[in-house]
């Protein structure tokens, strides 16, 4: 998968204990298929698709 760039990041909604991040340009589904967790600023975070 190509690296995520600033152009691939949409609206970010920060909540207590979790955040929502819009991943654009078709990279969101690719990201979800490849990873269940990612490392962000030295911390392991779980990723999942938001429930509609």
PDB file of N, CA and C in Angstrom:
ATOM      1  N   UNK A   1       0.842  -1.179   0.000  1.00  0.00           N
ATOM      2  CA  UNK A   1       0.000   0.000   0.000  1.00  0.00           C
ATOM      3  C   UNK A   1       0.886   1.240   0.000  1.00  0.00           C
ATOM      4  N   UNK A   2       0.431   2.231  -0.706  1.00  0.00           N
ATOM      5  CA  UNK A   2       1.132   3.501  -0.677  1.00  0.00           C
ATOM      6  C   UNK A   2       1.029   4.110   0.709  1.00  0.00           C
ATOM      7  N   UNK A   3       1.955   4.933   1.005  1.00  0.00           N
ATOM      8  CA  UNK A   3       1.961   5.640   2.284  1.00  0.00           C
ATOM      9  C   UNK A   3       0.805   6.633   2.339  1.00  0.00           C
ATOM     10  N   UNK A   4       0.239   6.823   3.512  1.00  0.00           N
ATOM     11  CA  UNK A   4      -0.781   7.851   3.686  1.00  0.00           C
ATOM     12  C   UNK A   4      -0.113   9.218   3.656  1.00  0.00           C
ATOM     13  N   UNK A   5      -0.758  10.148   2.993  1.00  0.00           N
ATOM     14  CA  UNK A   5      -0.258  11.521   2.955  1.00  0.00           C
ATOM     15  C   UNK A   5      -1.299  12.435   3.579  1.00  0.00           C
ATOM     16  N   UNK A   6      -0.980  13.682   3.740  1.00  0.00           N
ATOM     17  CA  UNK A   6      -1.916  14.656   4.270  1.00  0.00           C
ATOM     18  C   UNK A   6      -3.172  14.773   3.418  1.00  0.00           C
ATOM     19  N   UNK A   7      -3.037  14.524   2.122  1.00  0.00           N
ATOM     20  CA  UNK A   7      -4.188  14.581   1.219  1.00  0.00           C
ATOM     21  C   UNK A   7      -5.169  13.431   1.452  1.00  0.00           C
ATOM     22  N   UNK A   8      -4.717  12.379   2.127  1.00  0.00           N
ATOM     23  CA  UNK A   8      -5.553  11.205   2.396  1.00  0.00           C
ATOM     24  C   UNK A   8      -6.323  11.328   3.709  1.00  0.00           C
ATOM     25  N   UNK A   9      -6.039  12.350   4.485  1.00  0.00           N
ATOM     26  CA  UNK A   9      -6.674  12.528   5.782  1.00  0.00           C
ATOM     27  C   UNK A   9      -7.764  13.591   5.657  1.00  0.00           C
ATOM     28  N   UNK A  10      -8.967  13.218   6.092  1.00  0.00           N
ATOM     29  CA  UNK A  10     -10.089  14.150   6.053  1.00  0.00           C
ATOM     30  C   UNK A  10     -10.372  14.710   7.432  1.00  0.00           C
ATOM     31  N   UNK A  11     -11.630  14.771   7.783  1.00  0.00           N
ATOM     32  CA  UNK A  11     -12.064  15.322   9.061  1.00  0.00           C
ATOM     33  C   UNK A  11     -11.621  14.420  10.211  1.00  0.00           C
ATOM     34  N   UNK A  12     -11.119  15.031  11.269  1.00  0.00           N
ATOM     35  CA  UNK A  12     -10.718  14.311  12.483  1.00  0.00           C
ATOM     36  C   UNK A  12     -11.618  14.784  13.616  1.00  0.00           C
ATOM     37  N   UNK A  13     -12.276  13.827  14.269  1.00  0.00           N
ATOM     38  CA  UNK A  13     -13.190  14.131  15.381  1.00  0.00           C
ATOM     39  C   UNK A  13     -12.647  13.447  16.631  1.00  0.00           C
ATOM     40  N   UNK A  14     -12.100  14.208  17.559  1.00  0.00           N
ATOM     41  CA  UNK A  14     -11.477  13.672  18.775  1.00  0.00           C
ATOM     42  C   UNK A  14     -12.516  13.607  19.887  1.00  0.00           C
ATOM     43  N   UNK A  15     -12.663  12.428  20.492  1.00  0.00           N
ATOM     44  CA  UNK A  15     -13.578  12.191  21.607  1.00  0.00           C
ATOM     45  C   UNK A  15     -12.767  11.686  22.801  1.00  0.00           C
ATOM     46  N   UNK A  16     -13.407  11.566  23.955  1.00  0.00           N
ATOM     47  CA  UNK A  16     -12.731  10.966  25.108  1.00  0.00           C
ATOM     48  C   UNK A  16     -12.539   9.481  24.849  1.00  0.00           C
ATOM     49  N   UNK A  17     -11.305   9.022  24.795  1.00  0.00           N
ATOM     50  CA  UNK A  17     -11.005   7.600  24.662  1.00  0.00           C
ATOM     51  C   UNK A  17     -10.948   7.077  23.244  1.00  0.00           C
ATOM     52  N   UNK A  18     -11.362   7.846  22.244  1.00  0.00           N
ATOM     53  CA  UNK A  18     -11.289   7.400  20.854  1.00  0.00           C
ATOM     54  C   UNK A  18     -11.419   8.609  19.931  1.00  0.00           C
ATOM     55  N   UNK A  19     -11.075   8.404  18.682  1.00  0.00           N
ATOM     56  CA  UNK A  19     -11.198   9.457  17.677  1.00  0.00           C
ATOM     57  C   UNK A  19     -11.691   8.850  16.369  1.00  0.00           C
ATOM     58  N   UNK A  20     -12.330   9.674  15.561  1.00  0.00           N
ATOM     59  CA  UNK A  20     -12.739   9.288  14.223  1.00  0.00           C
ATOM     60  C   UNK A  20     -11.863  10.048  13.235  1.00  0.00           C
ATOM     61  N   UNK A  21     -11.345   9.342  12.230  1.00  0.00           N
ATOM     62  CA  UNK A  21     -10.518   9.975  11.205  1.00  0.00           C
ATOM     63  C   UNK A  21     -11.032   9.522   9.854  1.00  0.00           C
ATOM     64  N   UNK A  22     -11.402  10.469   9.001  1.00  0.00           N
ATOM     65  CA  UNK A  22     -11.803  10.136   7.632  1.00  0.00           C
ATOM     66  C   UNK A  22     -10.547   9.869   6.812  1.00  0.00           C
ATOM     67  N   UNK A  23     -10.472   8.667   6.222  1.00  0.00           N
ATOM     68  CA  UNK A  23      -9.371   8.322   5.331  1.00  0.00           C
ATOM     69  C   UNK A  23      -9.923   8.368   3.913  1.00  0.00           C
ATOM     70  N   UNK A  24      -9.342   9.214   3.082  1.00  0.00           N
ATOM     71  CA  UNK A  24      -9.850   9.487   1.747  1.00  0.00           C
ATOM     72  C   UNK A  24      -9.096   8.719   0.666  1.00  0.00           C
ATOM     73  N   UNK A  25      -9.507   8.930  -0.557  1.00  0.00           N
ATOM     74  CA  UNK A  25      -8.840   8.410  -1.750  1.00  0.00           C
ATOM     75  C   UNK A  25      -8.806   6.886  -1.810  1.00  0.00           C
ATOM     76  N   UNK A  26      -9.823   6.236  -1.226  1.00  0.00           N
ATOM     77  CA  UNK A  26      -9.920   4.778  -1.275  1.00  0.00           C
ATOM     78  C   UNK A  26      -8.936   4.038  -0.399  1.00  0.00           C
ATOM     79  N   UNK A  27      -8.181   4.743   0.408  1.00  0.00           N
ATOM     80  CA  UNK A  27      -7.160   4.084   1.224  1.00  0.00           C
ATOM     81  C   UNK A  27      -7.698   3.557   2.554  1.00  0.00           C
ATOM     82  N   UNK A  28      -8.901   3.969   2.945  1.00  0.00           N
ATOM     83  CA  UNK A  28      -9.466   3.524   4.214  1.00  0.00           C
ATOM     84  C   UNK A  28      -9.704   2.029   4.253  1.00  0.00           C
ATOM     85  N   UNK A  29     -10.362   1.492   3.233  1.00  0.00           N
ATOM     86  CA  UNK A  29     -10.631   0.053   3.201  1.00  0.00           C
ATOM     87  C   UNK A  29      -9.352  -0.762   3.087  1.00  0.00           C
ATOM     88  N   UNK A  30      -8.381  -0.262   2.349  1.00  0.00           N
ATOM     89  CA  UNK A  30      -7.093  -0.956   2.236  1.00  0.00           C
ATOM     90  C   UNK A  30      -6.421  -0.999   3.605  1.00  0.00           C
ATOM     91  N   UNK A  31      -6.442   0.104   4.302  1.00  0.00           N
ATOM     92  CA  UNK A  31      -5.845   0.182   5.635  1.00  0.00           C
ATOM     93  C   UNK A  31      -6.505  -0.808   6.590  1.00  0.00           C
ATOM     94  N   UNK A  32      -7.834  -0.872   6.563  1.00  0.00           N
ATOM     95  CA  UNK A  32      -8.569  -1.782   7.450  1.00  0.00           C
ATOM     96  C   UNK A  32      -8.299  -3.248   7.128  1.00  0.00           C
ATOM     97  N   UNK A  33      -8.119  -3.587   5.859  1.00  0.00           N
ATOM     98  CA  UNK A  33      -7.840  -4.975   5.479  1.00  0.00           C
ATOM     99  C   UNK A  33      -6.458  -5.414   5.930  1.00  0.00           C
ATOM    100  N   UNK A  34      -5.510  -4.496   5.944  1.00  0.00           N
ATOM    101  CA  UNK A  34      -4.128  -4.849   6.264  1.00  0.00           C
ATOM    102  C   UNK A  34      -3.805  -4.817   7.755  1.00  0.00           C
ATOM    103  N   UNK A  35      -4.476  -3.936   8.493  1.00  0.00           N
ATOM    104  CA  UNK A  35      -4.085  -3.711   9.885  1.00  0.00           C
ATOM    105  C   UNK A  35      -5.275  -3.754  10.823  1.00  0.00           C
ATOM    106  N   UNK A  36      -5.065  -4.309  12.002  1.00  0.00           N
ATOM    107  CA  UNK A  36      -6.042  -4.239  13.095  1.00  0.00           C
ATOM    108  C   UNK A  36      -5.555  -3.249  14.146  1.00  0.00           C
ATOM    109  N   UNK A  37      -4.242  -3.064  14.175  1.00  0.00           N
ATOM    110  CA  UNK A  37      -3.618  -2.112  15.086  1.00  0.00           C
ATOM    111  C   UNK A  37      -2.499  -1.406  14.330  1.00  0.00           C
ATOM    112  N   UNK A  38      -2.229  -0.185  14.730  1.00  0.00           N
ATOM    113  CA  UNK A  38      -1.096   0.545  14.185  1.00  0.00           C
ATOM    114  C   UNK A  38      -0.367   1.229  15.327  1.00  0.00           C
ATOM    115  N   UNK A  39       0.867   1.608  15.093  1.00  0.00           N
ATOM    116  CA  UNK A  39       1.634   2.346  16.093  1.00  0.00           C
ATOM    117  C   UNK A  39       1.591   3.814  15.707  1.00  0.00           C
ATOM    118  N   UNK A  40       1.165   4.644  16.654  1.00  0.00           N
ATOM    119  CA  UNK A  40       1.012   6.067  16.422  1.00  0.00           C
ATOM    120  C   UNK A  40       1.681   6.814  17.561  1.00  0.00           C
ATOM    121  N   UNK A  41       2.714   7.548  17.249  1.00  0.00           N
ATOM    122  CA  UNK A  41       3.485   8.285  18.260  1.00  0.00           C
ATOM    123  C   UNK A  41       3.939   7.371  19.392  1.00  0.00           C
ATOM    124  N   UNK A  42       4.404   6.175  19.038  1.00  0.00           N
ATOM    125  CA  UNK A  42       4.942   5.241  20.015  1.00  0.00           C
ATOM    126  C   UNK A  42       3.920   4.411  20.758  1.00  0.00           C
ATOM    127  N   UNK A  43       2.623   4.624  20.506  1.00  0.00           N
ATOM    128  CA  UNK A  43       1.577   3.854  21.175  1.00  0.00           C
ATOM    129  C   UNK A  43       0.853   2.981  20.171  1.00  0.00           C
ATOM    130  N   UNK A  44       0.491   1.778  20.590  1.00  0.00           N
ATOM    131  CA  UNK A  44      -0.286   0.887  19.741  1.00  0.00           C
ATOM    132  C   UNK A  44      -1.754   1.267  19.876  1.00  0.00           C
ATOM    133  N   UNK A  45      -2.400   1.515  18.747  1.00  0.00           N
ATOM    134  CA  UNK A  45      -3.822   1.866  18.749  1.00  0.00           C
ATOM    135  C   UNK A  45      -4.578   0.899  17.844  1.00  0.00           C
ATOM    136  N   UNK A  46      -5.777   0.536  18.267  1.00  0.00           N
ATOM    137  CA  UNK A  46      -6.640  -0.340  17.469  1.00  0.00           C
ATOM    138  C   UNK A  46      -7.382   0.515  16.460  1.00  0.00           C
ATOM    139  N   UNK A  47      -7.563  -0.034  15.263  1.00  0.00           N
ATOM    140  CA  UNK A  47      -8.334   0.689  14.254  1.00  0.00           C
ATOM    141  C   UNK A  47      -9.510  -0.163  13.827  1.00  0.00           C
ATOM    142  N   UNK A  48     -10.614   0.483  13.526  1.00  0.00           N
ATOM    143  CA  UNK A  48     -11.794  -0.211  13.044  1.00  0.00           C
ATOM    144  C   UNK A  48     -12.678   0.779  12.294  1.00  0.00           C
ATOM    145  N   UNK A  49     -13.569   0.250  11.508  1.00  0.00           N
ATOM    146  CA  UNK A  49     -14.493   1.093  10.759  1.00  0.00           C
ATOM    147  C   UNK A  49     -15.586   1.577  11.708  1.00  0.00           C
ATOM    148  N   UNK A  50     -15.921   2.845  11.601  1.00  0.00           N
ATOM    149  CA  UNK A  50     -16.968   3.422  12.454  1.00  0.00           C
ATOM    150  C   UNK A  50     -18.307   2.813  12.075  1.00  0.00           C
ATOM    151  N   UNK A  51     -19.127   2.590  13.070  1.00  0.00           N
ATOM    152  CA  UNK A  51     -20.467   2.074  12.825  1.00  0.00           C
ATOM    153  C   UNK A  51     -21.376   3.221  12.410  1.00  0.00           C
ATOM    154  N   UNK A  52     -22.121   3.027  11.351  1.00  0.00           N
ATOM    155  CA  UNK A  52     -22.988   4.086  10.834  1.00  0.00           C
ATOM    156  C   UNK A  52     -24.259   4.216  11.624  1.00  0.00           C
TER     157      UNK A  52
END
